[in-house]
Protein backbone atom coordinates (compact mmCIF):
# COMPACT_ATOMS: atom_id res chain seq x y z
CA UNK A 1 141.16 4.69 56.14
CA UNK A 2 145.05 4.20 56.53
CA UNK A 3 145.90 1.80 59.49
CA UNK A 4 148.82 3.10 61.57
CA UNK A 5 151.32 0.75 63.25
CA UNK A 6 153.23 2.47 66.20
CA UNK A 7 155.19 1.15 69.01
CA UNK A 8 153.14 0.87 72.17
CA UNK A 9 154.85 3.86 74.11
CA UNK A 10 154.11 6.42 71.19
CA UNK A 11 150.52 4.94 70.86
CA UNK A 12 149.78 5.51 74.61
CA UNK A 13 150.86 9.21 74.44
CA UNK A 14 149.41 10.43 71.36
CA UNK A 15 146.01 8.77 72.34
CA UNK A 16 146.19 10.22 75.69
CA UNK A 17 146.86 13.92 74.11
CA UNK A 18 143.80 13.13 71.73
CA UNK A 19 141.48 12.33 74.90
CA UNK A 20 142.78 15.32 76.52
CA UNK A 21 142.00 17.52 73.49
CA UNK A 22 138.51 16.06 73.28
CA UNK A 23 138.98 14.45 70.00
CA UNK A 24 138.14 11.06 71.03
CA UNK A 25 140.58 7.61 71.22
CA UNK A 26 142.86 7.76 68.47
CA UNK A 27 145.82 9.52 67.14
CA UNK A 28 146.18 12.95 65.23
CA UNK A 29 148.58 12.25 62.23
CA UNK A 30 149.57 14.22 59.34
CA UNK A 31 146.72 12.33 57.45
CA UNK A 32 144.03 13.02 59.60
CA UNK A 33 142.65 11.45 63.17
CA UNK A 34 143.14 7.67 62.76
CA UNK A 35 140.66 5.85 65.62
CA UNK A 36 142.06 3.06 67.70
CA UNK A 37 139.77 0.12 67.63
CA UNK A 38 142.21 -2.71 68.72
CA UNK A 39 143.57 -1.61 72.44
CA UNK A 40 141.56 -0.62 75.21
CA UNK A 41 141.88 2.77 76.50
CA UNK A 42 143.05 2.07 79.97
CA UNK A 43 146.65 3.15 80.19
CA UNK A 44 146.03 6.25 77.83
CA UNK A 45 143.46 7.23 80.32
CA UNK A 46 145.79 7.19 83.19
CA UNK A 47 148.18 9.26 81.28
CA UNK A 48 145.73 12.01 80.42
CA UNK A 49 145.88 14.10 83.48
CA UNK A 50 149.67 14.02 82.96
CA UNK A 51 149.86 14.87 79.18
CA UNK A 52 147.12 17.35 79.89
CA UNK A 53 149.23 19.09 82.85
CA UNK A 54 152.59 18.95 81.67
CA UNK A 55 152.64 18.27 77.82
CA UNK A 56 154.88 15.77 76.55
CA UNK A 57 157.46 16.38 79.39
CA UNK A 58 159.43 13.08 79.44
CA UNK A 59 160.54 13.83 83.21
CA UNK A 60 156.67 14.22 84.17
CA UNK A 61 155.69 10.92 82.57
CA UNK A 62 158.89 9.04 83.94
CA UNK A 63 157.93 10.32 87.54
CA UNK A 64 154.11 9.36 86.93
CA UNK A 65 155.32 5.96 86.08
CA UNK A 66 157.64 5.60 89.26
CA UNK A 67 155.02 6.76 91.42
CA UNK A 68 152.42 4.52 89.71
CA UNK A 69 154.96 1.12 89.95
CA UNK A 70 155.77 2.56 93.80
CA UNK A 71 151.79 2.00 94.52
CA UNK A 72 151.85 -1.32 92.76
CA UNK A 73 154.73 -2.56 94.71
């Protein structure tokens, strides 16, 4: 199985999308499903509802992030 090196934001979004689709914790790529084993699913799990409701809508994702940052401040 090939390993895949992605920048963190891409990996978070792709794994959140895979979790929403019920595929598991990994990324669906052209060569097939690549499971992620090195990073825990915490942040991706937080993004699942946003990705599920709005897809890859970056405005919705940024709004979610601003709201999350506001809660932590």
